[in-house]
Amino acid sequence: MSATGGNNNFCANSNCVINPAPTTPALSLAPPVSVNVAQNCPLPDSSVPTPLSVTLCVTFWCHAPVLASNGESISSEYQIKLRPLISNQGDTAINISTDKSSALRLLVSGSDIVKNWQPQRATLDYGDMPFQISYNGTTAWAVAPNRPRTEVPTSNGEYTGFANTWNQPAELGAHENAGSIEPVKDLQDLVFNVPLPTIPTIGAVQGVYGLALVSYAAGAPKVTAYAPIGDWQHQVVASSF
């Protein structure tokens, strides 16, 4: 299946102020940086003392209900499937592993997130639990992606959710990219179970801040790159990429 709207302007500015649904408090981010027209990704901002060296974009995404084994929707959570693109413009390798503790995490707001996060057993037993993280003065829950291809068939022949097909190396080398801009089915996708009860409609995903790249190098987790949901590109119908 091919995604809709496949133009090449795939990577919006990942340093803009987030514009979430009205019920979600905004994360305050730095001013916009210049854009590399050839690659459509933000360039490091030379006007600040510590230039941005890593950019994170979401090129395609969708959401859908999580299904129980009997094929019925689970009202307490839904799934987001997204296709990231990470660009390391620095001179050293960076961690982008989704093994525990995953460097790529979905930032969400809400209460009882740990209790309500109920992915498939293989992901839950893996133990990469949501945790709280602070970014630019706001505290969010950082949710790990589901483990690869852990969804199971339901009694009506469908699957309980999307398959995580991300299989990039654990490290991204200097001046390298990871991810994809291609509208090809099941190519380098991350899937997250969102433990929030409101199933969103097109253009109205509540409680989700965005996708973050998290570093654990200094001990406490720290957001090193961020793609706010307001800048994600190509929201398409479920299962269309």
Protein backbone atom coordinates (compact mmCIF):
# COMPACT_ATOMS: atom_id res chain seq x y z
CA MET A 1 0.00 0.00 0.00
CA SER A 2 1.23 3.48 -0.74
CA ALA A 3 0.68 6.50 1.45
CA THR A 4 -1.22 9.53 0.30
CA GLY A 5 0.34 12.90 -0.43
CA GLY A 6 3.82 11.63 -1.26
CA ASN A 7 5.63 14.90 -1.94
CA ASN A 8 9.25 15.36 -0.86
CA ASN A 9 8.62 18.06 1.74
CA PHE A 10 8.72 15.34 4.31
CA CYS A 11 10.59 16.83 7.23
CA ALA A 12 9.09 19.86 8.90
CA ASN A 13 10.96 22.10 11.30
CA SER A 14 11.50 20.05 14.45
CA ASN A 15 12.27 23.11 16.57
CA CYS A 16 8.92 24.89 16.35
CA VAL A 17 6.49 25.42 19.20
CA ILE A 18 4.13 22.47 19.48
CA ASN A 19 0.47 23.04 18.65
CA PRO A 20 -1.33 20.15 20.37
CA ALA A 21 -5.02 19.59 20.93
CA PRO A 22 -6.51 22.14 23.37
CA THR A 23 -6.51 19.71 26.29
CA THR A 24 -2.74 19.09 26.04
CA PRO A 25 -0.34 21.63 27.59
CA ALA A 26 2.32 22.83 25.16
CA LEU A 27 6.02 22.10 25.39
CA SER A 28 7.93 25.34 24.97
CA LEU A 29 10.68 24.89 22.39
CA ALA A 30 13.46 27.00 20.92
CA PRO A 31 12.84 29.40 17.99
CA PRO A 32 12.78 27.92 14.48
CA VAL A 33 16.10 27.21 12.79
CA SER A 34 17.01 27.60 9.13
CA VAL A 35 16.00 24.82 6.73
CA ASN A 36 18.19 22.90 4.31
CA VAL A 37 16.15 23.08 1.09
CA ALA A 38 17.93 20.12 -0.46
CA GLN A 39 17.19 17.77 2.42
CA ASN A 40 14.12 19.49 3.91
CA CYS A 41 15.50 19.09 7.42
CA PRO A 42 16.51 21.74 9.95
CA LEU A 43 20.15 22.84 9.93
CA PRO A 44 22.15 23.47 13.10
CA ASP A 45 21.52 26.99 14.33
CA SER A 46 24.91 28.76 14.37
CA SER A 47 23.46 31.73 16.27
CA VAL A 48 23.29 29.81 19.57
CA PRO A 49 26.29 28.65 21.64
CA THR A 50 25.44 24.92 21.29
CA PRO A 51 24.30 24.24 17.71
CA LEU A 52 21.70 21.55 17.13
CA SER A 53 23.53 18.46 15.84
CA VAL A 54 20.66 15.94 15.67
CA THR A 55 17.32 16.41 13.94
CA LEU A 56 14.27 14.20 14.29
CA CYS A 57 11.34 14.14 11.86
CA VAL A 58 8.20 12.03 11.39
CA THR A 59 7.50 11.49 7.71
CA PHE A 60 4.29 9.40 7.83
CA TRP A 61 1.96 8.49 10.66
CA CYS A 62 -1.46 7.15 11.54
CA HIS A 63 -3.45 5.91 14.52
CA ALA A 64 -5.99 3.16 15.15
CA PRO A 65 -7.70 1.31 17.99
CA VAL A 66 -5.99 -1.55 19.77
CA LEU A 67 -7.96 -4.79 19.35
CA ALA A 68 -8.56 -7.47 21.94
CA SER A 69 -8.21 -11.16 21.10
CA ASN A 70 -11.93 -11.26 20.17
CA GLY A 71 -11.46 -8.45 17.64
CA GLU A 72 -13.22 -5.76 19.68
CA SER A 73 -11.64 -2.35 20.28
CA ILE A 74 -10.05 -1.70 23.66
CA SER A 75 -11.40 1.59 24.99
CA SER A 76 -8.52 2.41 27.34
CA GLU A 77 -5.77 2.81 24.73
CA TYR A 78 -4.96 3.23 21.04
CA GLN A 79 -1.89 2.88 18.82
CA ILE A 80 0.22 5.34 16.88
CA LYS A 81 2.33 4.08 14.00
CA LEU A 82 4.98 6.46 12.67
CA ARG A 83 7.96 6.56 10.34
CA PRO A 84 10.87 8.58 11.75
CA LEU A 85 13.88 10.11 10.06
CA ILE A 86 16.92 10.89 12.20
CA SER A 87 19.84 12.97 10.93
CA ASN A 88 23.10 13.05 12.86
CA GLN A 89 24.91 16.19 11.76
CA GLY A 90 27.50 15.92 14.51
CA ASP A 91 30.96 14.38 14.53
CA THR A 92 30.28 11.47 16.89
CA ALA A 93 27.94 8.49 16.81
CA ILE A 94 24.68 8.66 18.77
CA ASN A 95 22.48 6.00 20.36
CA ILE A 96 19.20 5.37 18.52
CA SER A 97 18.54 1.87 19.85
CA THR A 98 15.01 0.79 20.70
CA ASP A 99 16.30 -1.90 23.05
CA LYS A 100 15.84 -1.25 26.78
CA SER A 101 16.06 1.58 27.61
CA SER A 102 14.81 2.80 24.24
CA ALA A 103 16.31 6.02 22.91
CA LEU A 104 13.19 6.69 20.81
CA ARG A 105 10.10 7.41 22.92
CA LEU A 106 6.67 8.96 22.54
CA LEU A 107 6.03 11.83 24.97
CA VAL A 108 2.49 11.88 26.35
CA SER A 109 0.53 13.52 29.15
CA GLY A 110 -1.96 11.86 31.45
CA SER A 111 -2.42 10.06 34.75
CA ASP A 112 -1.85 6.40 35.63
CA ILE A 113 0.24 6.00 32.47
CA VAL A 114 2.35 3.15 33.88
CA LYS A 115 -0.72 1.30 35.16
CA ASN A 116 -2.72 1.80 31.95
CA TRP A 117 0.09 0.98 29.51
CA GLN A 118 -0.92 -2.50 28.36
CA PRO A 119 0.83 -3.51 25.12
CA GLN A 120 1.12 -7.12 24.01
CA ARG A 121 2.68 -9.47 26.55
CA ALA A 122 6.07 -9.66 24.77
CA THR A 123 6.45 -5.89 25.01
CA LEU A 124 5.13 -5.67 28.56
CA ASP A 125 7.38 -8.49 29.79
CA TYR A 126 10.39 -6.84 28.15
CA GLY A 127 10.07 -4.26 30.91
CA ASP A 128 10.90 -0.96 29.20
CA MET A 129 8.30 0.89 31.24
CA PRO A 130 7.14 4.49 30.77
CA PHE A 131 8.92 7.06 32.91
CA GLN A 132 8.62 10.77 33.51
CA ILE A 133 11.02 13.17 31.83
CA SER A 134 11.31 16.96 31.95
CA TYR A 135 11.85 19.03 28.83
CA ASN A 136 11.90 22.84 28.67
CA GLY A 137 9.96 23.15 31.90
CA THR A 138 7.28 20.54 31.15
CA THR A 139 7.11 17.02 32.56
CA ALA A 140 5.85 14.29 30.23
CA TRP A 141 5.64 10.51 30.22
CA ALA A 142 8.14 8.84 27.87
CA VAL A 143 6.65 5.67 26.35
CA ALA A 144 8.84 3.07 24.63
CA PRO A 145 7.87 1.55 21.27
CA ASN A 146 6.40 -1.93 21.08
CA ARG A 147 8.81 -4.76 20.48
CA PRO A 148 9.19 -5.80 16.83
CA ARG A 149 6.34 -7.81 15.32
CA THR A 150 4.69 -8.78 18.60
CA GLU A 151 1.06 -8.29 17.56
CA VAL A 152 -1.08 -11.43 17.34
CA PRO A 153 -4.13 -12.46 15.29
CA THR A 154 -7.61 -11.93 16.69
CA SER A 155 -10.53 -14.34 16.38
CA ASN A 156 -11.94 -12.39 13.41
CA GLY A 157 -8.72 -12.62 11.39
CA GLU A 158 -7.37 -9.13 12.08
CA TYR A 159 -4.32 -8.34 14.18
CA THR A 160 -4.36 -6.72 17.60
CA GLY A 161 -2.39 -3.77 16.22
CA PHE A 162 0.33 -2.55 13.90
CA ALA A 163 3.69 -4.30 13.54
CA ASN A 164 6.83 -2.49 14.66
CA THR A 165 9.22 -2.89 11.71
CA TRP A 166 12.07 -0.62 12.88
CA ASN A 167 15.38 -2.47 12.41
CA GLN A 168 18.01 0.26 12.32
CA PRO A 169 21.43 -0.19 13.97
CA ALA A 170 21.79 0.74 17.64
CA GLU A 171 24.11 3.61 16.78
CA LEU A 172 23.86 6.29 14.10
CA GLY A 173 27.25 7.36 12.82
CA ALA A 174 28.45 10.91 12.31
CA HIS A 175 26.80 12.63 9.35
CA GLU A 176 24.48 9.68 8.75
CA ASN A 177 20.70 9.31 8.52
CA ALA A 178 18.37 6.57 9.78
CA GLY A 179 14.75 5.93 8.90
CA SER A 180 12.87 6.44 5.67
CA ILE A 181 10.93 8.95 3.60
CA GLU A 182 9.55 6.30 1.26
CA PRO A 183 5.76 5.66 1.22
CA VAL A 184 6.27 1.89 1.24
CA LYS A 185 4.27 -0.48 3.42
CA ASP A 186 5.88 -1.64 6.70
CA LEU A 187 9.25 0.05 6.14
CA GLN A 188 11.13 1.27 9.24
CA ASP A 189 8.07 2.04 11.37
CA LEU A 190 7.73 2.46 15.12
CA VAL A 191 4.49 1.55 16.90
CA PHE A 192 3.45 2.88 20.30
CA ASN A 193 0.57 1.86 22.55
CA VAL A 194 -0.86 5.12 23.89
CA PRO A 195 -2.47 4.49 27.30
CA LEU A 196 -5.15 7.16 26.94
CA PRO A 197 -8.86 6.37 26.66
CA THR A 198 -9.88 8.84 23.94
CA ILE A 199 -9.51 7.34 20.48
CA PRO A 200 -8.51 10.30 18.31
CA THR A 201 -9.90 11.45 15.00
CA ILE A 202 -7.90 12.65 12.02
CA GLY A 203 -5.99 15.77 13.04
CA ALA A 204 -7.02 15.60 16.73
CA VAL A 205 -4.67 13.40 18.71
CA GLN A 206 -5.04 14.42 22.34
CA GLY A 207 -2.47 13.86 25.04
CA VAL A 208 0.50 13.27 22.70
CA TYR A 209 3.32 15.81 22.68
CA GLY A 210 5.59 14.26 20.07
CA LEU A 211 8.48 11.89 19.38
CA ALA A 212 11.71 12.32 21.33
CA LEU A 213 15.26 11.03 21.07
CA VAL A 214 16.46 10.43 24.62
CA SER A 215 20.06 10.17 25.81
CA TYR A 216 21.05 8.23 28.94
CA ALA A 217 24.75 9.12 28.73
CA ALA A 218 24.71 11.55 31.66
CA GLY A 219 22.71 9.30 33.98
CA ALA A 220 19.29 10.93 34.09
CA PRO A 221 17.40 10.67 30.77
CA LYS A 222 17.61 13.82 28.64
CA VAL A 223 15.77 14.80 25.46
CA THR A 224 18.35 15.47 22.74
CA ALA A 225 16.02 15.83 19.73
CA TYR A 226 12.30 16.34 19.47
CA ALA A 227 9.60 16.20 16.77
CA PRO A 228 6.37 17.80 18.06
CA ILE A 229 3.18 16.24 16.77
CA GLY A 230 2.19 19.53 15.19
CA ASP A 231 5.12 19.13 12.77
CA TRP A 232 4.57 15.48 11.84
CA GLN A 233 4.01 15.09 8.10
CA HIS A 234 1.52 13.01 6.10
CA GLN A 235 -1.12 11.85 8.52
CA VAL A 236 -2.76 9.05 6.57
CA VAL A 237 -5.50 6.50 7.13
CA ALA A 238 -4.68 3.48 9.25
CA SER A 239 -2.70 0.70 7.50
CA SER A 240 -2.02 2.80 4.37
CA PHE A 241 1.76 2.71 4.77
